[in-house]
Amino acid sequence: MTVDQGLRLFTIDAAYGTFEEDVKGSLSPGKYANLVILSDNPTTVAVDALLDIQVLATIVGGRAEYCADTALC
């Protein structure tokens, strides 16, 4: 599985699987603002560096639920 396929599996495909694609799975007007901010782009780093990517922030419903650095949120 490629990184792009994996990301899709956990986003739009997962929302589709639970019949929630109208409110989840992608960043679009009218959908929940659920997202993570990562330390690196998983689509551009070397495969062996994927496990080194850190979660910097988690946003759920447009609200910061986790911030690794308070200056970020």
PDB file of N, CA and C in Angstrom:
ATOM      1  N   MET A   1       0.841  -1.161   0.000  1.00  0.00           N
ATOM      2  CA  MET A   1       0.000   0.000   0.000  1.00  0.00           C
ATOM      3  C   MET A   1       0.895   1.236   0.000  1.00  0.00           C
ATOM      4  N   THR A   2       0.538   2.217  -0.793  1.00  0.00           N
ATOM      5  CA  THR A   2       1.297   3.460  -0.818  1.00  0.00           C
ATOM      6  C   THR A   2       0.837   4.371   0.316  1.00  0.00           C
ATOM      7  N   VAL A   3       1.616   5.395   0.599  1.00  0.00           N
ATOM      8  CA  VAL A   3       1.237   6.380   1.613  1.00  0.00           C
ATOM      9  C   VAL A   3      -0.066   7.063   1.202  1.00  0.00           C
ATOM     10  N   ASP A   4      -0.191   7.441  -0.060  1.00  0.00           N
ATOM     11  CA  ASP A   4      -1.420   8.079  -0.526  1.00  0.00           C
ATOM     12  C   ASP A   4      -2.636   7.172  -0.325  1.00  0.00           C
ATOM     13  N   GLN A   5      -2.495   5.899  -0.596  1.00  0.00           N
ATOM     14  CA  GLN A   5      -3.588   4.959  -0.389  1.00  0.00           C
ATOM     15  C   GLN A   5      -3.933   4.839   1.093  1.00  0.00           C
ATOM     16  N   GLY A   6      -2.918   4.806   1.944  1.00  0.00           N
ATOM     17  CA  GLY A   6      -3.139   4.729   3.385  1.00  0.00           C
ATOM     18  C   GLY A   6      -3.850   5.956   3.926  1.00  0.00           C
ATOM     19  N   LEU A   7      -3.438   7.130   3.470  1.00  0.00           N
ATOM     20  CA  LEU A   7      -4.092   8.360   3.920  1.00  0.00           C
ATOM     21  C   LEU A   7      -5.555   8.384   3.495  1.00  0.00           C
ATOM     22  N   ARG A   8      -5.811   7.980   2.274  1.00  0.00           N
ATOM     23  CA  ARG A   8      -7.190   7.928   1.790  1.00  0.00           C
ATOM     24  C   ARG A   8      -8.012   6.915   2.597  1.00  0.00           C
ATOM     25  N   LEU A   9      -7.408   5.784   2.929  1.00  0.00           N
ATOM     26  CA  LEU A   9      -8.091   4.747   3.701  1.00  0.00           C
ATOM     27  C   LEU A   9      -8.582   5.287   5.043  1.00  0.00           C
ATOM     28  N   PHE A  10      -7.768   6.139   5.684  1.00  0.00           N
ATOM     29  CA  PHE A  10      -8.117   6.661   7.001  1.00  0.00           C
ATOM     30  C   PHE A  10      -8.928   7.952   6.952  1.00  0.00           C
ATOM     31  N   THR A  11      -9.181   8.494   5.774  1.00  0.00           N
ATOM     32  CA  THR A  11      -9.914   9.761   5.676  1.00  0.00           C
ATOM     33  C   THR A  11     -11.221   9.565   4.911  1.00  0.00           C
ATOM     34  N   ILE A  12     -11.233   9.887   3.647  1.00  0.00           N
ATOM     35  CA  ILE A  12     -12.474   9.871   2.876  1.00  0.00           C
ATOM     36  C   ILE A  12     -13.075   8.475   2.770  1.00  0.00           C
ATOM     37  N   ASP A  13     -12.239   7.442   2.619  1.00  0.00           N
ATOM     38  CA  ASP A  13     -12.779   6.088   2.522  1.00  0.00           C
ATOM     39  C   ASP A  13     -13.419   5.645   3.836  1.00  0.00           C
ATOM     40  N   ALA A  14     -12.810   6.006   4.967  1.00  0.00           N
ATOM     41  CA  ALA A  14     -13.384   5.658   6.270  1.00  0.00           C
ATOM     42  C   ALA A  14     -14.718   6.366   6.479  1.00  0.00           C
ATOM     43  N   ALA A  15     -14.797   7.626   6.085  1.00  0.00           N
ATOM     44  CA  ALA A  15     -16.050   8.369   6.199  1.00  0.00           C
ATOM     45  C   ALA A  15     -17.132   7.741   5.318  1.00  0.00           C
ATOM     46  N   TYR A  16     -16.755   7.339   4.134  1.00  0.00           N
ATOM     47  CA  TYR A  16     -17.691   6.694   3.214  1.00  0.00           C
ATOM     48  C   TYR A  16     -18.188   5.367   3.813  1.00  0.00           C
ATOM     49  N   GLY A  17     -17.300   4.636   4.438  1.00  0.00           N
ATOM     50  CA  GLY A  17     -17.654   3.343   5.026  1.00  0.00           C
ATOM     51  C   GLY A  17     -18.647   3.449   6.164  1.00  0.00           C
ATOM     52  N   THR A  18     -18.714   4.611   6.800  1.00  0.00           N
ATOM     53  CA  THR A  18     -19.678   4.821   7.893  1.00  0.00           C
ATOM     54  C   THR A  18     -20.803   5.775   7.474  1.00  0.00           C
ATOM     55  N   PHE A  19     -20.937   5.982   6.172  1.00  0.00           N
ATOM     56  CA  PHE A  19     -21.984   6.841   5.606  1.00  0.00           C
ATOM     57  C   PHE A  19     -21.928   8.274   6.140  1.00  0.00           C
ATOM     58  N   GLU A  20     -20.711   8.771   6.401  1.00  0.00           N
ATOM     59  CA  GLU A  20     -20.525  10.119   6.934  1.00  0.00           C
ATOM     60  C   GLU A  20     -19.722  11.006   5.999  1.00  0.00           C
ATOM     61  N   GLU A  21     -19.613  10.642   4.733  1.00  0.00           N
ATOM     62  CA  GLU A  21     -18.811  11.421   3.794  1.00  0.00           C
ATOM     63  C   GLU A  21     -19.337  12.829   3.580  1.00  0.00           C
ATOM     64  N   ASP A  22     -20.591  13.099   3.987  1.00  0.00           N
ATOM     65  CA  ASP A  22     -21.122  14.453   3.862  1.00  0.00           C
ATOM     66  C   ASP A  22     -20.635  15.373   4.970  1.00  0.00           C
ATOM     67  N   VAL A  23     -20.076  14.806   6.062  1.00  0.00           N
ATOM     68  CA  VAL A  23     -19.592  15.634   7.172  1.00  0.00           C
ATOM     69  C   VAL A  23     -18.148  15.352   7.581  1.00  0.00           C
ATOM     70  N   LYS A  24     -17.555  14.278   7.056  1.00  0.00           N
ATOM     71  CA  LYS A  24     -16.195  13.884   7.440  1.00  0.00           C
ATOM     72  C   LYS A  24     -15.395  13.449   6.229  1.00  0.00           C
ATOM     73  N   GLY A  25     -14.093  13.266   6.417  1.00  0.00           N
ATOM     74  CA  GLY A  25     -13.259  12.623   5.420  1.00  0.00           C
ATOM     75  C   GLY A  25     -12.443  13.538   4.542  1.00  0.00           C
ATOM     76  N   SER A  26     -12.832  14.792   4.447  1.00  0.00           N
ATOM     77  CA  SER A  26     -12.083  15.766   3.646  1.00  0.00           C
ATOM     78  C   SER A  26     -12.344  17.151   4.211  1.00  0.00           C
ATOM     79  N   LEU A  27     -11.483  18.083   3.880  1.00  0.00           N
ATOM     80  CA  LEU A  27     -11.658  19.461   4.337  1.00  0.00           C
ATOM     81  C   LEU A  27     -12.458  20.216   3.289  1.00  0.00           C
ATOM     82  N   SER A  28     -13.712  20.460   3.602  1.00  0.00           N
ATOM     83  CA  SER A  28     -14.621  21.149   2.695  1.00  0.00           C
ATOM     84  C   SER A  28     -15.586  21.987   3.521  1.00  0.00           C
ATOM     85  N   PRO A  29     -16.114  23.065   2.949  1.00  0.00           N
ATOM     86  CA  PRO A  29     -17.097  23.868   3.676  1.00  0.00           C
ATOM     87  C   PRO A  29     -18.272  23.007   4.142  1.00  0.00           C
ATOM     88  N   GLY A  30     -18.671  23.206   5.393  1.00  0.00           N
ATOM     89  CA  GLY A  30     -19.792  22.480   5.957  1.00  0.00           C
ATOM     90  C   GLY A  30     -19.423  21.175   6.631  1.00  0.00           C
ATOM     91  N   LYS A  31     -18.175  20.738   6.506  1.00  0.00           N
ATOM     92  CA  LYS A  31     -17.743  19.507   7.158  1.00  0.00           C
ATOM     93  C   LYS A  31     -17.026  19.836   8.464  1.00  0.00           C
ATOM     94  N   TYR A  32     -16.969  18.832   9.348  1.00  0.00           N
ATOM     95  CA  TYR A  32     -16.232  19.005  10.595  1.00  0.00           C
ATOM     96  C   TYR A  32     -14.767  19.293  10.283  1.00  0.00           C
ATOM     97  N   ALA A  33     -14.160  20.143  11.082  1.00  0.00           N
ATOM     98  CA  ALA A  33     -12.741  20.464  10.891  1.00  0.00           C
ATOM     99  C   ALA A  33     -11.913  19.542  11.782  1.00  0.00           C
ATOM    100  N   ASN A  34     -11.828  18.278  11.407  1.00  0.00           N
ATOM    101  CA  ASN A  34     -11.030  17.298  12.136  1.00  0.00           C
ATOM    102  C   ASN A  34      -9.751  17.068  11.351  1.00  0.00           C
ATOM    103  N   LEU A  35      -8.600  17.352  11.978  1.00  0.00           N
ATOM    104  CA  LEU A  35      -7.332  17.196  11.279  1.00  0.00           C
ATOM    105  C   LEU A  35      -6.183  17.107  12.252  1.00  0.00           C
ATOM    106  N   VAL A  36      -5.052  16.679  11.735  1.00  0.00           N
ATOM    107  CA  VAL A  36      -3.814  16.682  12.509  1.00  0.00           C
ATOM    108  C   VAL A  36      -2.783  17.514  11.761  1.00  0.00           C
ATOM    109  N   ILE A  37      -1.902  18.125  12.519  1.00  0.00           N
ATOM    110  CA  ILE A  37      -0.756  18.832  11.949  1.00  0.00           C
ATOM    111  C   ILE A  37       0.457  17.978  12.280  1.00  0.00           C
ATOM    112  N   LEU A  38       1.184  17.605  11.241  1.00  0.00           N
ATOM    113  CA  LEU A  38       2.320  16.702  11.396  1.00  0.00           C
ATOM    114  C   LEU A  38       3.642  17.441  11.231  1.00  0.00           C
ATOM    115  N   SER A  39       4.700  16.864  11.758  1.00  0.00           N
ATOM    116  CA  SER A  39       6.032  17.475  11.679  1.00  0.00           C
ATOM    117  C   SER A  39       6.631  17.381  10.278  1.00  0.00           C
ATOM    118  N   ASP A  40       6.180  16.448   9.482  1.00  0.00           N
ATOM    119  CA  ASP A  40       6.660  16.278   8.116  1.00  0.00           C
ATOM    120  C   ASP A  40       5.507  15.838   7.231  1.00  0.00           C
ATOM    121  N   ASN A  41       5.716  15.931   5.943  1.00  0.00           N
ATOM    122  CA  ASN A  41       4.723  15.510   4.969  1.00  0.00           C
ATOM    123  C   ASN A  41       4.915  14.014   4.689  1.00  0.00           C
ATOM    124  N   PRO A  42       3.969  13.170   5.077  1.00  0.00           N
ATOM    125  CA  PRO A  42       4.151  11.735   4.880  1.00  0.00           C
ATOM    126  C   PRO A  42       4.225  11.325   3.408  1.00  0.00           C
ATOM    127  N   THR A  43       3.793  12.182   2.516  1.00  0.00           N
ATOM    128  CA  THR A  43       3.852  11.837   1.095  1.00  0.00           C
ATOM    129  C   THR A  43       5.195  12.177   0.454  1.00  0.00           C
ATOM    130  N   THR A  44       6.058  12.876   1.197  1.00  0.00           N
ATOM    131  CA  THR A  44       7.342  13.257   0.609  1.00  0.00           C
ATOM    132  C   THR A  44       8.559  12.719   1.358  1.00  0.00           C
ATOM    133  N   VAL A  45       8.400  12.268   2.597  1.00  0.00           N
ATOM    134  CA  VAL A  45       9.552  11.732   3.335  1.00  0.00           C
ATOM    135  C   VAL A  45       9.835  10.315   2.871  1.00  0.00           C
ATOM    136  N   ALA A  46      11.036   9.860   3.131  1.00  0.00           N
ATOM    137  CA  ALA A  46      11.403   8.483   2.802  1.00  0.00           C
ATOM    138  C   ALA A  46      10.556   7.517   3.635  1.00  0.00           C
ATOM    139  N   VAL A  47      10.241   6.382   3.072  1.00  0.00           N
ATOM    140  CA  VAL A  47       9.393   5.409   3.755  1.00  0.00           C
ATOM    141  C   VAL A  47       9.948   5.037   5.124  1.00  0.00           C
ATOM    142  N   ASP A  48      11.261   4.895   5.234  1.00  0.00           N
ATOM    143  CA  ASP A  48      11.842   4.531   6.526  1.00  0.00           C
ATOM    144  C   ASP A  48      11.793   5.658   7.543  1.00  0.00           C
ATOM    145  N   ALA A  49      11.394   6.850   7.147  1.00  0.00           N
ATOM    146  CA  ALA A  49      11.261   7.988   8.063  1.00  0.00           C
ATOM    147  C   ALA A  49       9.824   8.222   8.506  1.00  0.00           C
ATOM    148  N   LEU A  50       8.891   7.442   7.994  1.00  0.00           N
ATOM    149  CA  LEU A  50       7.475   7.646   8.345  1.00  0.00           C
ATOM    150  C   LEU A  50       7.221   7.528   9.847  1.00  0.00           C
ATOM    151  N   LEU A  51       7.880   6.581  10.490  1.00  0.00           N
ATOM    152  CA  LEU A  51       7.665   6.387  11.928  1.00  0.00           C
ATOM    153  C   LEU A  51       8.243   7.518  12.771  1.00  0.00           C
ATOM    154  N   ASP A  52       9.063   8.365  12.188  1.00  0.00           N
ATOM    155  CA  ASP A  52       9.651   9.487  12.915  1.00  0.00           C
ATOM    156  C   ASP A  52       8.764  10.733  12.880  1.00  0.00           C
ATOM    157  N   ILE A  53       7.711  10.714  12.086  1.00  0.00           N
ATOM    158  CA  ILE A  53       6.816  11.871  11.999  1.00  0.00           C
ATOM    159  C   ILE A  53       6.065  12.030  13.315  1.00  0.00           C
ATOM    160  N   GLN A  54       6.051  13.247  13.823  1.00  0.00           N
ATOM    161  CA  GLN A  54       5.398  13.556  15.095  1.00  0.00           C
ATOM    162  C   GLN A  54       4.083  14.283  14.854  1.00  0.00           C
ATOM    163  N   VAL A  55       3.111  14.049  15.721  1.00  0.00           N
ATOM    164  CA  VAL A  55       1.865  14.806  15.699  1.00  0.00           C
ATOM    165  C   VAL A  55       2.105  16.086  16.487  1.00  0.00           C
ATOM    166  N   LEU A  56       1.940  17.229  15.825  1.00  0.00           N
ATOM    167  CA  LEU A  56       2.153  18.521  16.475  1.00  0.00           C
ATOM    168  C   LEU A  56       0.869  19.068  17.069  1.00  0.00           C
ATOM    169  N   ALA A  57      -0.252  18.780  16.429  1.00  0.00           N
ATOM    170  CA  ALA A  57      -1.540  19.257  16.935  1.00  0.00           C
ATOM    171  C   ALA A  57      -2.660  18.390  16.372  1.00  0.00           C
ATOM    172  N   THR A  58      -3.727  18.280  17.150  1.00  0.00           N
ATOM    173  CA  THR A  58      -4.939  17.579  16.720  1.00  0.00           C
ATOM    174  C   THR A  58      -6.097  18.547  16.873  1.00  0.00           C
ATOM    175  N   ILE A  59      -6.846  18.726  15.798  1.00  0.00           N
ATOM    176  CA  ILE A  59      -7.999  19.618  15.786  1.00  0.00           C
ATOM    177  C   ILE A  59      -9.240  18.748  15.586  1.00  0.00           C
ATOM    178  N   VAL A  60     -10.222  18.894  16.471  1.00  0.00           N
ATOM    179  CA  VAL A  60     -11.467  18.130  16.380  1.00  0.00           C
ATOM    180  C   VAL A  60     -12.623  19.118  16.407  1.00  0.00           C
ATOM    181  N   GLY A  61     -13.433  19.103  15.374  1.00  0.00           N
ATOM    182  CA  GLY A  61     -14.568  20.016  15.299  1.00  0.00           C
ATOM    183  C   GLY A  61     -14.146  21.475  15.280  1.00  0.00           C
ATOM    184  N   GLY A  62     -12.961  21.727  14.747  1.00  0.00           N
ATOM    185  CA  GLY A  62     -12.460  23.098  14.670  1.00  0.00           C
ATOM    186  C   GLY A  62     -11.801  23.587  15.948  1.00  0.00           C
ATOM    187  N   ARG A  63     -11.675  22.718  16.951  1.00  0.00           N
ATOM    188  CA  ARG A  63     -11.099  23.103  18.250  1.00  0.00           C
ATOM    189  C   ARG A  63      -9.824  22.307  18.510  1.00  0.00           C
ATOM    190  N   ALA A  64      -8.780  22.991  18.948  1.00  0.00           N
ATOM    191  CA  ALA A  64      -7.517  22.322  19.257  1.00  0.00           C
ATOM    192  C   ALA A  64      -7.694  21.442  20.494  1.00  0.00           C
ATOM    193  N   GLU A  65      -7.511  20.148  20.306  1.00  0.00           N
ATOM    194  CA  GLU A  65      -7.631  19.192  21.415  1.00  0.00           C
ATOM    195  C   GLU A  65      -6.270  18.777  21.946  1.00  0.00           C
ATOM    196  N   TYR A  66      -5.239  18.894  21.102  1.00  0.00           N
ATOM    197  CA  TYR A  66      -3.877  18.558  21.523  1.00  0.00           C
ATOM    198  C   TYR A  66      -2.925  19.478  20.812  1.00  0.00           C
ATOM    199  N   CYS A  67      -1.972  20.006  21.551  1.00  0.00           N
ATOM    200  CA  CYS A  67      -0.899  20.821  20.971  1.00  0.00           C
ATOM    201  C   CYS A  67       0.417  20.426  21.621  1.00  0.00           C
ATOM    202  N   ALA A  68       1.388  20.019  20.810  1.00  0.00           N
ATOM    203  CA  ALA A  68       2.697  19.659  21.331  1.00  0.00           C
ATOM    204  C   ALA A  68       3.439  20.909  21.800  1.00  0.00           C
ATOM    205  N   ASP A  69       3.109  22.046  21.201  1.00  0.00           N
ATOM    206  CA  ASP A  69       3.756  23.322  21.521  1.00  0.00           C
ATOM    207  C   ASP A  69       2.671  24.386  21.612  1.00  0.00           C
ATOM    208  N   THR A  70       2.557  25.047  22.738  1.00  0.00           N
ATOM    209  CA  THR A  70       1.481  26.016  22.919  1.00  0.00           C
ATOM    210  C   THR A  70       1.584  27.183  21.944  1.00  0.00           C
ATOM    211  N   ALA A  71       2.757  27.444  21.395  1.00  0.00           N
ATOM    212  CA  ALA A  71       2.886  28.514  20.401  1.00  0.00           C
ATOM    213  C   ALA A  71       2.206  28.130  19.095  1.00  0.00           C
ATOM    214  N   LEU A  72       1.986  26.839  18.898  1.00  0.00           N
ATOM    215  CA  LEU A  72       1.349  26.360  17.672  1.00  0.00           C
ATOM    216  C   LEU A  72      -0.154  26.589  17.681  1.00  0.00           C
ATOM    217  N   CYS A  73      -0.765  26.505  18.842  1.00  0.00           N
ATOM    218  CA  CYS A  73      -2.229  26.575  18.923  1.00  0.00           C
ATOM    219  C   CYS A  73      -2.709  27.805  19.660  1.00  0.00           C
TER     220      CYS A  73
END
